[in-house]
PDB file of N, CA and C in Angstrom:
ATOM      1  N   MET A   1     -23.671 -27.220  32.829  1.00  0.00           N
ATOM      2  CA  MET A   1     -22.312 -26.771  32.692  1.00  0.00           C
ATOM      3  C   MET A   1     -21.869 -27.036  31.255  1.00  0.00           C
ATOM      4  N   SER A   2     -21.139 -26.080  30.666  1.00  0.00           N
ATOM      5  CA  SER A   2     -20.703 -26.229  29.277  1.00  0.00           C
ATOM      6  C   SER A   2     -19.463 -27.118  29.196  1.00  0.00           C
ATOM      7  N   ASN A   3     -19.212 -27.611  28.015  1.00  0.00           N
ATOM      8  CA  ASN A   3     -18.047 -28.466  27.784  1.00  0.00           C
ATOM      9  C   ASN A   3     -16.773 -27.618  27.795  1.00  0.00           C
ATOM     10  N   PRO A   4     -15.724 -28.092  28.467  1.00  0.00           N
ATOM     11  CA  PRO A   4     -14.474 -27.334  28.478  1.00  0.00           C
ATOM     12  C   PRO A   4     -13.779 -27.422  27.117  1.00  0.00           C
ATOM     13  N   VAL A   5     -13.013 -26.401  26.805  1.00  0.00           N
ATOM     14  CA  VAL A   5     -12.239 -26.401  25.567  1.00  0.00           C
ATOM     15  C   VAL A   5     -11.011 -27.273  25.780  1.00  0.00           C
ATOM     16  N   ILE A   6     -10.873 -28.282  24.941  1.00  0.00           N
ATOM     17  CA  ILE A   6      -9.752 -29.203  25.068  1.00  0.00           C
ATOM     18  C   ILE A   6      -8.587 -28.757  24.186  1.00  0.00           C
ATOM     19  N   THR A   7      -8.900 -28.308  22.975  1.00  0.00           N
ATOM     20  CA  THR A   7      -7.860 -27.816  22.065  1.00  0.00           C
ATOM     21  C   THR A   7      -8.240 -26.418  21.588  1.00  0.00           C
ATOM     22  N   GLN A   8      -7.224 -25.604  21.377  1.00  0.00           N
ATOM     23  CA  GLN A   8      -7.453 -24.269  20.866  1.00  0.00           C
ATOM     24  C   GLN A   8      -7.643 -24.335  19.361  1.00  0.00           C
ATOM     25  N   PRO A   9      -8.447 -23.422  18.807  1.00  0.00           N
ATOM     26  CA  PRO A   9      -8.611 -23.421  17.356  1.00  0.00           C
ATOM     27  C   PRO A   9      -7.282 -23.098  16.683  1.00  0.00           C
ATOM     28  N   GLY A  10      -7.068 -23.655  15.487  1.00  0.00           N
ATOM     29  CA  GLY A  10      -5.833 -23.427  14.741  1.00  0.00           C
ATOM     30  C   GLY A  10      -5.783 -22.028  14.165  1.00  0.00           C
ATOM     31  N   ALA A  11      -4.591 -21.621  13.804  1.00  0.00           N
ATOM     32  CA  ALA A  11      -4.388 -20.294  13.241  1.00  0.00           C
ATOM     33  C   ALA A  11      -4.785 -20.233  11.778  1.00  0.00           C
ATOM     34  N   GLY A  12      -5.008 -21.358  11.145  1.00  0.00           N
ATOM     35  CA  GLY A  12      -5.364 -21.354   9.736  1.00  0.00           C
ATOM     36  C   GLY A  12      -4.152 -21.635   8.870  1.00  0.00           C
ATOM     37  N   SER A  13      -4.373 -21.633   7.592  1.00  0.00           N
ATOM     38  CA  SER A  13      -3.303 -21.935   6.647  1.00  0.00           C
ATOM     39  C   SER A  13      -2.815 -20.653   6.005  1.00  0.00           C
ATOM     40  N   TYR A  14      -1.637 -20.224   6.359  1.00  0.00           N
ATOM     41  CA  TYR A  14      -1.093 -18.977   5.843  1.00  0.00           C
ATOM     42  C   TYR A  14       0.195 -19.185   5.074  1.00  0.00           C
ATOM     43  N   GLY A  15       0.521 -20.374   4.677  1.00  0.00           N
ATOM     44  CA  GLY A  15       1.772 -20.607   3.975  1.00  0.00           C
ATOM     45  C   GLY A  15       2.857 -21.021   4.947  1.00  0.00           C
ATOM     46  N   THR A  16       4.071 -21.049   4.448  1.00  0.00           N
ATOM     47  CA  THR A  16       5.181 -21.551   5.250  1.00  0.00           C
ATOM     48  C   THR A  16       5.615 -20.586   6.337  1.00  0.00           C
ATOM     49  N   ASN A  17       5.199 -19.327   6.253  1.00  0.00           N
ATOM     50  CA  ASN A  17       5.658 -18.340   7.224  1.00  0.00           C
ATOM     51  C   ASN A  17       5.258 -18.673   8.653  1.00  0.00           C
ATOM     52  N   VAL A  18       4.154 -19.364   8.849  1.00  0.00           N
ATOM     53  CA  VAL A  18       3.701 -19.682  10.199  1.00  0.00           C
ATOM     54  C   VAL A  18       4.680 -20.646  10.870  1.00  0.00           C
ATOM     55  N   GLN A  19       5.197 -21.602  10.112  1.00  0.00           N
ATOM     56  CA  GLN A  19       6.102 -22.577  10.679  1.00  0.00           C
ATOM     57  C   GLN A  19       7.543 -22.076  10.759  1.00  0.00           C
ATOM     58  N   THR A  20       7.966 -21.259   9.814  1.00  0.00           N
ATOM     59  CA  THR A  20       9.369 -20.887   9.733  1.00  0.00           C
ATOM     60  C   THR A  20       9.691 -19.536  10.345  1.00  0.00           C
ATOM     61  N   GLY A  21       8.706 -18.725  10.633  1.00  0.00           N
ATOM     62  CA  GLY A  21       8.966 -17.393  11.154  1.00  0.00           C
ATOM     63  C   GLY A  21       9.477 -16.448  10.086  1.00  0.00           C
ATOM     64  N   GLU A  22       9.100 -16.690   8.817  1.00  0.00           N
ATOM     65  CA  GLU A  22       9.522 -15.867   7.698  1.00  0.00           C
ATOM     66  C   GLU A  22       8.316 -15.184   7.066  1.00  0.00           C
ATOM     67  N   TRP A  23       8.578 -14.171   6.239  1.00  0.00           N
ATOM     68  CA  TRP A  23       7.521 -13.519   5.468  1.00  0.00           C
ATOM     69  C   TRP A  23       6.967 -14.530   4.470  1.00  0.00           C
ATOM     70  N   SER A  24       5.701 -14.428   4.141  1.00  0.00           N
ATOM     71  CA  SER A  24       5.091 -15.389   3.215  1.00  0.00           C
ATOM     72  C   SER A  24       5.540 -15.169   1.778  1.00  0.00           C
ATOM     73  N   THR A  25       6.019 -13.962   1.446  1.00  0.00           N
ATOM     74  CA  THR A  25       6.532 -13.681   0.106  1.00  0.00           C
ATOM     75  C   THR A  25       7.871 -12.976   0.232  1.00  0.00           C
ATOM     76  N   GLY A  26       8.638 -13.022  -0.828  1.00  0.00           N
ATOM     77  CA  GLY A  26       9.934 -12.361  -0.834  1.00  0.00           C
ATOM     78  C   GLY A  26       9.814 -10.869  -1.080  1.00  0.00           C
ATOM     79  N   LEU A  27      10.905 -10.170  -0.876  1.00  0.00           N
ATOM     80  CA  LEU A  27      10.927  -8.720  -1.060  1.00  0.00           C
ATOM     81  C   LEU A  27      10.594  -8.339  -2.495  1.00  0.00           C
ATOM     82  N   CYS A  28      11.057  -9.090  -3.459  1.00  0.00           N
ATOM     83  CA  CYS A  28      10.851  -8.758  -4.873  1.00  0.00           C
ATOM     84  C   CYS A  28       9.784  -9.625  -5.532  1.00  0.00           C
ATOM     85  N   SER A  29       8.846 -10.120  -4.763  1.00  0.00           N
ATOM     86  CA  SER A  29       7.763 -10.959  -5.307  1.00  0.00           C
ATOM     87  C   SER A  29       6.549 -10.116  -5.672  1.00  0.00           C
ATOM     88  N   CYS A  30       6.798  -8.956  -6.241  1.00  0.00           N
ATOM     89  CA  CYS A  30       5.720  -8.006  -6.527  1.00  0.00           C
ATOM     90  C   CYS A  30       4.637  -8.572  -7.435  1.00  0.00           C
ATOM     91  N   CYS A  31       5.025  -9.402  -8.407  1.00  0.00           N
ATOM     92  CA  CYS A  31       4.050  -9.906  -9.374  1.00  0.00           C
ATOM     93  C   CYS A  31       3.131 -10.976  -8.803  1.00  0.00           C
ATOM     94  N   SER A  32       3.373 -11.406  -7.563  1.00  0.00           N
ATOM     95  CA  SER A  32       2.493 -12.412  -6.968  1.00  0.00           C
ATOM     96  C   SER A  32       1.139 -11.820  -6.582  1.00  0.00           C
ATOM     97  N   ASP A  33       1.029 -10.498  -6.511  1.00  0.00           N
ATOM     98  CA  ASP A  33      -0.243  -9.821  -6.248  1.00  0.00           C
ATOM     99  C   ASP A  33      -0.265  -8.573  -7.124  1.00  0.00           C
ATOM    100  N   LEU A  34      -0.914  -8.688  -8.289  1.00  0.00           N
ATOM    101  CA  LEU A  34      -0.879  -7.610  -9.272  1.00  0.00           C
ATOM    102  C   LEU A  34      -1.540  -6.330  -8.779  1.00  0.00           C
ATOM    103  N   PHE A  35      -2.584  -6.431  -7.949  1.00  0.00           N
ATOM    104  CA  PHE A  35      -3.225  -5.235  -7.408  1.00  0.00           C
ATOM    105  C   PHE A  35      -2.236  -4.429  -6.583  1.00  0.00           C
ATOM    106  N   VAL A  36      -1.520  -5.102  -5.701  1.00  0.00           N
ATOM    107  CA  VAL A  36      -0.542  -4.438  -4.837  1.00  0.00           C
ATOM    108  C   VAL A  36       0.581  -3.842  -5.678  1.00  0.00           C
ATOM    109  N   CYS A  37       1.056  -4.603  -6.646  1.00  0.00           N
ATOM    110  CA  CYS A  37       2.139  -4.136  -7.513  1.00  0.00           C
ATOM    111  C   CYS A  37       1.718  -2.887  -8.287  1.00  0.00           C
ATOM    112  N   ALA A  38       0.539  -2.919  -8.869  1.00  0.00           N
ATOM    113  CA  ALA A  38       0.049  -1.782  -9.653  1.00  0.00           C
ATOM    114  C   ALA A  38      -0.135  -0.545  -8.783  1.00  0.00           C
ATOM    115  N   LEU A  39      -0.750  -0.722  -7.620  1.00  0.00           N
ATOM    116  CA  LEU A  39      -0.972   0.413  -6.731  1.00  0.00           C
ATOM    117  C   LEU A  39       0.354   0.985  -6.246  1.00  0.00           C
ATOM    118  N   GLY A  40       1.320   0.115  -5.957  1.00  0.00           N
ATOM    119  CA  GLY A  40       2.632   0.572  -5.516  1.00  0.00           C
ATOM    120  C   GLY A  40       3.372   1.345  -6.592  1.00  0.00           C
ATOM    121  N   CYS A  41       3.216   0.935  -7.849  1.00  0.00           N
ATOM    122  CA  CYS A  41       3.885   1.629  -8.959  1.00  0.00           C
ATOM    123  C   CYS A  41       3.222   2.959  -9.278  1.00  0.00           C
ATOM    124  N   VAL A  42       1.895   2.990  -9.256  1.00  0.00           N
ATOM    125  CA  VAL A  42       1.156   4.206  -9.626  1.00  0.00           C
ATOM    126  C   VAL A  42       1.193   5.245  -8.517  1.00  0.00           C
ATOM    127  N   CYS A  43       0.944   4.816  -7.285  1.00  0.00           N
ATOM    128  CA  CYS A  43       0.893   5.770  -6.176  1.00  0.00           C
ATOM    129  C   CYS A  43       1.352   5.102  -4.877  1.00  0.00           C
ATOM    130  N   PRO A  44       2.640   5.163  -4.582  1.00  0.00           N
ATOM    131  CA  PRO A  44       3.173   4.504  -3.378  1.00  0.00           C
ATOM    132  C   PRO A  44       2.537   5.004  -2.073  1.00  0.00           C
ATOM    133  N   ILE A  45       2.208   6.284  -2.010  1.00  0.00           N
ATOM    134  CA  ILE A  45       1.574   6.815  -0.786  1.00  0.00           C
ATOM    135  C   ILE A  45       0.204   6.174  -0.582  1.00  0.00           C
ATOM    136  N   ALA A  46      -0.549   5.998  -1.657  1.00  0.00           N
ATOM    137  CA  ALA A  46      -1.863   5.350  -1.551  1.00  0.00           C
ATOM    138  C   ALA A  46      -1.707   3.916  -1.053  1.00  0.00           C
ATOM    139  N   LEU A  47      -0.663   3.206  -1.534  1.00  0.00           N
ATOM    140  CA  LEU A  47      -0.426   1.837  -1.071  1.00  0.00           C
ATOM    141  C   LEU A  47      -0.082   1.830   0.415  1.00  0.00           C
ATOM    142  N   SER A  48       0.743   2.769   0.844  1.00  0.00           N
ATOM    143  CA  SER A  48       1.099   2.845   2.272  1.00  0.00           C
ATOM    144  C   SER A  48      -0.131   3.108   3.130  1.00  0.00           C
ATOM    145  N   CYS A  49      -0.996   4.006   2.682  1.00  0.00           N
ATOM    146  CA  CYS A  49      -2.238   4.296   3.425  1.00  0.00           C
ATOM    147  C   CYS A  49      -3.159   3.077   3.430  1.00  0.00           C
ATOM    148  N   TYR A  50      -3.263   2.390   2.278  1.00  0.00           N
ATOM    149  CA  TYR A  50      -4.072   1.178   2.174  1.00  0.00           C
ATOM    150  C   TYR A  50      -3.555   0.111   3.138  1.00  0.00           C
ATOM    151  N   THR A  51      -2.224  -0.043   3.190  1.00  0.00           N
ATOM    152  CA  THR A  51      -1.606  -1.038   4.066  1.00  0.00           C
ATOM    153  C   THR A  51      -1.899  -0.743   5.526  1.00  0.00           C
ATOM    154  N   ALA A  52      -1.718   0.512   5.923  1.00  0.00           N
ATOM    155  CA  ALA A  52      -2.000   0.896   7.311  1.00  0.00           C
ATOM    156  C   ALA A  52      -3.461   0.618   7.651  1.00  0.00           C
ATOM    157  N   ASN A  53      -4.362   0.963   6.745  1.00  0.00           N
ATOM    158  CA  ASN A  53      -5.787   0.740   6.977  1.00  0.00           C
ATOM    159  C   ASN A  53      -6.111  -0.751   7.088  1.00  0.00           C
ATOM    160  N   LYS A  54      -5.552  -1.589   6.187  1.00  0.00           N
ATOM    161  CA  LYS A  54      -5.810  -3.025   6.231  1.00  0.00           C
ATOM    162  C   LYS A  54      -5.259  -3.656   7.506  1.00  0.00           C
ATOM    163  N   TYR A  55      -4.195  -3.062   8.044  1.00  0.00           N
ATOM    164  CA  TYR A  55      -3.602  -3.593   9.270  1.00  0.00           C
ATOM    165  C   TYR A  55      -4.346  -3.106  10.512  1.00  0.00           C
ATOM    166  N   GLY A  56      -5.296  -2.187  10.332  1.00  0.00           N
ATOM    167  CA  GLY A  56      -6.084  -1.700  11.458  1.00  0.00           C
ATOM    168  C   GLY A  56      -5.539  -0.427  12.065  1.00  0.00           C
ATOM    169  N   GLU A  57      -4.607   0.222  11.374  1.00  0.00           N
ATOM    170  CA  GLU A  57      -4.033   1.478  11.852  1.00  0.00           C
ATOM    171  C   GLU A  57      -4.673   2.648  11.117  1.00  0.00           C
ATOM    172  N   ASN A  58      -4.458   3.836  11.639  1.00  0.00           N
ATOM    173  CA  ASN A  58      -4.928   5.050  10.985  1.00  0.00           C
ATOM    174  C   ASN A  58      -4.152   5.228   9.686  1.00  0.00           C
ATOM    175  N   VAL A  59      -4.849   5.641   8.616  1.00  0.00           N
ATOM    176  CA  VAL A  59      -4.188   5.799   7.324  1.00  0.00           C
ATOM    177  C   VAL A  59      -3.079   6.846   7.368  1.00  0.00           C
ATOM    178  N   CYS A  60      -3.152   7.775   8.300  1.00  0.00           N
ATOM    179  CA  CYS A  60      -2.124   8.816   8.420  1.00  0.00           C
ATOM    180  C   CYS A  60      -0.785   8.264   8.899  1.00  0.00           C
ATOM    181  N   LEU A  61      -0.775   7.044   9.419  1.00  0.00           N
ATOM    182  CA  LEU A  61       0.473   6.442   9.881  1.00  0.00           C
ATOM    183  C   LEU A  61       1.499   6.393   8.753  1.00  0.00           C
ATOM    184  N   ALA A  62       1.024   6.231   7.527  1.00  0.00           N
ATOM    185  CA  ALA A  62       1.917   6.156   6.378  1.00  0.00           C
ATOM    186  C   ALA A  62       2.661   7.472   6.142  1.00  0.00           C
ATOM    187  N   CYS A  63       2.124   8.565   6.623  1.00  0.00           N
ATOM    188  CA  CYS A  63       2.731   9.883   6.409  1.00  0.00           C
ATOM    189  C   CYS A  63       3.596  10.331   7.580  1.00  0.00           C
ATOM    190  N   VAL A  64       3.595   9.588   8.658  1.00  0.00           N
ATOM    191  CA  VAL A  64       4.390   9.930   9.840  1.00  0.00           C
ATOM    192  C   VAL A  64       5.796   9.367   9.663  1.00  0.00           C
ATOM    193  N   PRO A  65       6.842  10.183   9.863  1.00  0.00           N
ATOM    194  CA  PRO A  65       8.202   9.656   9.753  1.00  0.00           C
ATOM    195  C   PRO A  65       8.416   8.461  10.690  1.00  0.00           C
ATOM    196  N   GLY A  66       8.855   7.360  10.134  1.00  0.00           N
ATOM    197  CA  GLY A  66       9.078   6.149  10.914  1.00  0.00           C
ATOM    198  C   GLY A  66       7.828   5.326  11.143  1.00  0.00           C
ATOM    199  N   GLY A  67       6.710   5.781  10.640  1.00  0.00           N
ATOM    200  CA  GLY A  67       5.442   5.077  10.858  1.00  0.00           C
ATOM    201  C   GLY A  67       5.408   3.692  10.242  1.00  0.00           C
ATOM    202  N   MET A  68       5.915   3.576   9.023  1.00  0.00           N
ATOM    203  CA  MET A  68       5.902   2.270   8.361  1.00  0.00           C
ATOM    204  C   MET A  68       6.890   1.310   9.025  1.00  0.00           C
ATOM    205  N   ALA A  69       8.007   1.832   9.517  1.00  0.00           N
ATOM    206  CA  ALA A  69       8.963   0.980  10.241  1.00  0.00           C
ATOM    207  C   ALA A  69       8.338   0.464  11.526  1.00  0.00           C
ATOM    208  N   ALA A  70       7.614   1.338  12.223  1.00  0.00           N
ATOM    209  CA  ALA A  70       6.941   0.922  13.456  1.00  0.00           C
ATOM    210  C   ALA A  70       5.873  -0.127  13.153  1.00  0.00           C
ATOM    211  N   MET A  71       5.143   0.073  12.064  1.00  0.00           N
ATOM    212  CA  MET A  71       4.114  -0.886  11.700  1.00  0.00           C
ATOM    213  C   MET A  71       4.745  -2.224  11.297  1.00  0.00           C
ATOM    214  N   ARG A  72       5.879  -2.191  10.600  1.00  0.00           N
ATOM    215  CA  ARG A  72       6.568  -3.422  10.221  1.00  0.00           C
ATOM    216  C   ARG A  72       7.020  -4.181  11.463  1.00  0.00           C
ATOM    217  N   THR A  73       7.545  -3.459  12.447  1.00  0.00           N
ATOM    218  CA  THR A  73       7.962  -4.105  13.693  1.00  0.00           C
ATOM    219  C   THR A  73       6.772  -4.755  14.378  1.00  0.00           C
ATOM    220  N   HIS A  74       5.677  -4.028  14.481  1.00  0.00           N
ATOM    221  CA  HIS A  74       4.474  -4.577  15.124  1.00  0.00           C
ATOM    222  C   HIS A  74       3.958  -5.783  14.353  1.00  0.00           C
ATOM    223  N   MET A  75       3.970  -5.690  13.033  1.00  0.00           N
ATOM    224  CA  MET A  75       3.495  -6.790  12.194  1.00  0.00           C
ATOM    225  C   MET A  75       4.364  -8.036  12.397  1.00  0.00           C
ATOM    226  N   ARG A  76       5.678  -7.857  12.423  1.00  0.00           N
ATOM    227  CA  ARG A  76       6.586  -8.974  12.659  1.00  0.00           C
ATOM    228  C   ARG A  76       6.295  -9.655  13.979  1.00  0.00           C
ATOM    229  N   LEU A  77       6.144  -8.846  15.024  1.00  0.00           N
ATOM    230  CA  LEU A  77       5.898  -9.411  16.353  1.00  0.00           C
ATOM    231  C   LEU A  77       4.536 -10.101  16.424  1.00  0.00           C
ATOM    232  N   THR A  78       3.538  -9.511  15.801  1.00  0.00           N
ATOM    233  CA  THR A  78       2.199 -10.098  15.796  1.00  0.00           C
ATOM    234  C   THR A  78       2.164 -11.419  15.049  1.00  0.00           C
ATOM    235  N   TYR A  79       2.833 -11.475  13.902  1.00  0.00           N
ATOM    236  CA  TYR A  79       2.799 -12.664  13.054  1.00  0.00           C
ATOM    237  C   TYR A  79       3.914 -13.660  13.358  1.00  0.00           C
ATOM    238  N   GLY A  80       4.793 -13.346  14.303  1.00  0.00           N
ATOM    239  CA  GLY A  80       5.863 -14.260  14.677  1.00  0.00           C
ATOM    240  C   GLY A  80       6.965 -14.374  13.633  1.00  0.00           C
ATOM    241  N   ILE A  81       7.220 -13.288  12.918  1.00  0.00           N
ATOM    242  CA  ILE A  81       8.257 -13.271  11.888  1.00  0.00           C
ATOM    243  C   ILE A  81       9.565 -12.821  12.528  1.00  0.00           C
ATOM    244  N   GLN A  82      10.641 -13.535  12.215  1.00  0.00           N
ATOM    245  CA  GLN A  82      11.948 -13.218  12.789  1.00  0.00           C
ATOM    246  C   GLN A  82      12.466 -11.882  12.250  1.00  0.00           C
ATOM    247  N   GLY A  83      13.284 -11.203  13.035  1.00  0.00           N
ATOM    248  CA  GLY A  83      13.900  -9.960  12.601  1.00  0.00           C
ATOM    249  C   GLY A  83      14.237  -9.063  13.775  1.00  0.00           C
ATOM    250  N   THR A  84      14.756  -7.873  13.455  1.00  0.00           N
ATOM    251  CA  THR A  84      15.128  -6.910  14.488  1.00  0.00           C
ATOM    252  C   THR A  84      14.536  -5.549  14.149  1.00  0.00           C
ATOM    253  N   ILE A  85      14.486  -4.690  15.139  1.00  0.00           N
ATOM    254  CA  ILE A  85      13.989  -3.330  14.930  1.00  0.00           C
ATOM    255  C   ILE A  85      14.904  -2.581  13.972  1.00  0.00           C
ATOM    256  N   CYS A  86      16.204  -2.793  14.087  1.00  0.00           N
ATOM    257  CA  CYS A  86      17.162  -2.156  13.184  1.00  0.00           C
ATOM    258  C   CYS A  86      16.892  -2.585  11.745  1.00  0.00           C
ATOM    259  N   ASN A  87      16.649  -3.863  11.535  1.00  0.00           N
ATOM    260  CA  ASN A  87      16.340  -4.357  10.200  1.00  0.00           C
ATOM    261  C   ASN A  87      15.042  -3.759   9.681  1.00  0.00           C
ATOM    262  N   ASP A  88      14.051  -3.609  10.562  1.00  0.00           N
ATOM    263  CA  ASP A  88      12.777  -2.998  10.164  1.00  0.00           C
ATOM    264  C   ASP A  88      13.003  -1.583   9.650  1.00  0.00           C
ATOM    265  N   ALA A  89      13.797  -0.809  10.382  1.00  0.00           N
ATOM    266  CA  ALA A  89      14.070   0.573   9.990  1.00  0.00           C
ATOM    267  C   ALA A  89      14.828   0.619   8.667  1.00  0.00           C
ATOM    268  N   LEU A  90      15.834  -0.229   8.512  1.00  0.00           N
ATOM    269  CA  LEU A  90      16.619  -0.237   7.278  1.00  0.00           C
ATOM    270  C   LEU A  90      15.796  -0.682   6.074  1.00  0.00           C
ATOM    271  N   MET A  91      14.984  -1.700   6.254  1.00  0.00           N
ATOM    272  CA  MET A  91      14.172  -2.205   5.139  1.00  0.00           C
ATOM    273  C   MET A  91      13.155  -1.171   4.666  1.00  0.00           C
ATOM    274  N   THR A  92      12.498  -0.488   5.591  1.00  0.00           N
ATOM    275  CA  THR A  92      11.508   0.504   5.177  1.00  0.00           C
ATOM    276  C   THR A  92      12.171   1.753   4.616  1.00  0.00           C
ATOM    277  N   CYS A  93      13.369   2.076   5.089  1.00  0.00           N
ATOM    278  CA  CYS A  93      14.074   3.259   4.607  1.00  0.00           C
ATOM    279  C   CYS A  93      14.735   2.998   3.252  1.00  0.00           C
ATOM    280  N   CYS A  94      15.439   1.892   3.126  1.00  0.00           N
ATOM    281  CA  CYS A  94      16.229   1.623   1.915  1.00  0.00           C
ATOM    282  C   CYS A  94      15.444   0.914   0.815  1.00  0.00           C
ATOM    283  N   CYS A  95      14.485   0.121   1.189  1.00  0.00           N
ATOM    284  CA  CYS A  95      13.741  -0.666   0.193  1.00  0.00           C
ATOM    285  C   CYS A  95      12.307  -0.183   0.051  1.00  0.00           C
ATOM    286  N   GLY A  96      11.970   0.900   0.707  1.00  0.00           N
ATOM    287  CA  GLY A  96      10.681   1.575   0.674  1.00  0.00           C
ATOM    288  C   GLY A  96       9.501   0.842   0.096  1.00  0.00           C
ATOM    289  N   ILE A  97       9.223   1.085  -1.183  1.00  0.00           N
ATOM    290  CA  ILE A  97       8.004   0.577  -1.793  1.00  0.00           C
ATOM    291  C   ILE A  97       8.002  -0.945  -1.888  1.00  0.00           C
ATOM    292  N   PHE A  98       9.173  -1.567  -2.063  1.00  0.00           N
ATOM    293  CA  PHE A  98       9.229  -3.031  -2.103  1.00  0.00           C
ATOM    294  C   PHE A  98       8.800  -3.618  -0.758  1.00  0.00           C
ATOM    295  N   GLU A  99       9.249  -2.990   0.317  1.00  0.00           N
ATOM    296  CA  GLU A  99       8.880  -3.477   1.648  1.00  0.00           C
ATOM    297  C   GLU A  99       7.409  -3.220   1.938  1.00  0.00           C
ATOM    298  N   THR A 100       6.905  -2.081   1.516  1.00  0.00           N
ATOM    299  CA  THR A 100       5.481  -1.793   1.706  1.00  0.00           C
ATOM    300  C   THR A 100       4.635  -2.801   0.942  1.00  0.00           C
ATOM    301  N   CYS A 101       5.052  -3.139  -0.278  1.00  0.00           N
ATOM    302  CA  CYS A 101       4.335  -4.162  -1.058  1.00  0.00           C
ATOM    303  C   CYS A 101       4.338  -5.500  -0.320  1.00  0.00           C
ATOM    304  N   ARG A 102       5.496  -5.868   0.243  1.00  0.00           N
ATOM    305  CA  ARG A 102       5.577  -7.142   0.965  1.00  0.00           C
ATOM    306  C   ARG A 102       4.683  -7.119   2.193  1.00  0.00           C
ATOM    307  N   MET A 103       4.657  -6.024   2.922  1.00  0.00           N
ATOM    308  CA  MET A 103       3.792  -5.926   4.102  1.00  0.00           C
ATOM    309  C   MET A 103       2.323  -6.044   3.696  1.00  0.00           C
ATOM    310  N   THR A 104       1.962  -5.407   2.587  1.00  0.00           N
ATOM    311  CA  THR A 104       0.579  -5.479   2.108  1.00  0.00           C
ATOM    312  C   THR A 104       0.227  -6.903   1.708  1.00  0.00           C
ATOM    313  N   ARG A 105       1.141  -7.560   0.991  1.00  0.00           N
ATOM    314  CA  ARG A 105       0.889  -8.958   0.601  1.00  0.00           C
ATOM    315  C   ARG A 105       0.727  -9.844   1.831  1.00  0.00           C
ATOM    316  N   GLU A 106       1.547  -9.607   2.855  1.00  0.00           N
ATOM    317  CA  GLU A 106       1.460 -10.404   4.081  1.00  0.00           C
ATOM    318  C   GLU A 106       0.079 -10.256   4.731  1.00  0.00           C
ATOM    319  N   ILE A 107      -0.404  -9.036   4.802  1.00  0.00           N
ATOM    320  CA  ILE A 107      -1.729  -8.790   5.388  1.00  0.00           C
ATOM    321  C   ILE A 107      -2.803  -9.484   4.552  1.00  0.00           C
ATOM    322  N   ARG A 108      -2.704  -9.341   3.239  1.00  0.00           N
ATOM    323  CA  ARG A 108      -3.711  -9.951   2.365  1.00  0.00           C
ATOM    324  C   ARG A 108      -3.671 -11.481   2.438  1.00  0.00           C
ATOM    325  N   VAL A 109      -2.482 -12.068   2.517  1.00  0.00           N
ATOM    326  CA  VAL A 109      -2.363 -13.523   2.648  1.00  0.00           C
ATOM    327  C   VAL A 109      -2.998 -13.975   3.959  1.00  0.00           C
ATOM    328  N   ARG A 110      -2.685 -13.280   5.028  1.00  0.00           N
ATOM    329  CA  ARG A 110      -3.195 -13.684   6.351  1.00  0.00           C
ATOM    330  C   ARG A 110      -4.701 -13.448   6.490  1.00  0.00           C
ATOM    331  N   ASN A 111      -5.239 -12.514   5.687  1.00  0.00           N
ATOM    332  CA  ASN A 111      -6.685 -12.285   5.697  1.00  0.00           C
ATOM    333  C   ASN A 111      -7.405 -13.154   4.686  1.00  0.00           C
ATOM    334  N   GLY A 112      -6.663 -13.991   3.943  1.00  0.00           N
ATOM    335  CA  GLY A 112      -7.262 -14.866   2.952  1.00  0.00           C
ATOM    336  C   GLY A 112      -7.694 -14.146   1.696  1.00  0.00           C
ATOM    337  N   GLU A 113      -7.106 -12.987   1.407  1.00  0.00           N
ATOM    338  CA  GLU A 113      -7.497 -12.200   0.231  1.00  0.00           C
ATOM    339  C   GLU A 113      -6.602 -12.452  -0.973  1.00  0.00           C
ATOM    340  N   ALA A 114      -5.480 -13.098  -0.769  1.00  0.00           N
ATOM    341  CA  ALA A 114      -4.558 -13.313  -1.900  1.00  0.00           C
ATOM    342  C   ALA A 114      -4.296 -14.784  -2.108  1.00  0.00           C
TER     343      ALA A 114
END
């Protein structure tokens, strides 16, 4: 008979967002990941497609109206980040590329790439 699991493996070290329920970077922290910042400035659609792909979604999600808002909502719920669906829609609509950059940074931080 195998040994029973006594403790679950930890989630890893992802910054303060795991404990506080907040994003790991701010909305305007673009310079914290120069690759994301550069891609967002040169071609925002490419960054949106890259973000969807890194999150495990179809790259076409970035071109679907409301797709990035839906992905932000799913990302928040998956990562335990506080917020509302209304806020997700407003942030992706009004802050567009800044929010996409933040979502990309969040994925990269959680994957240990940044």
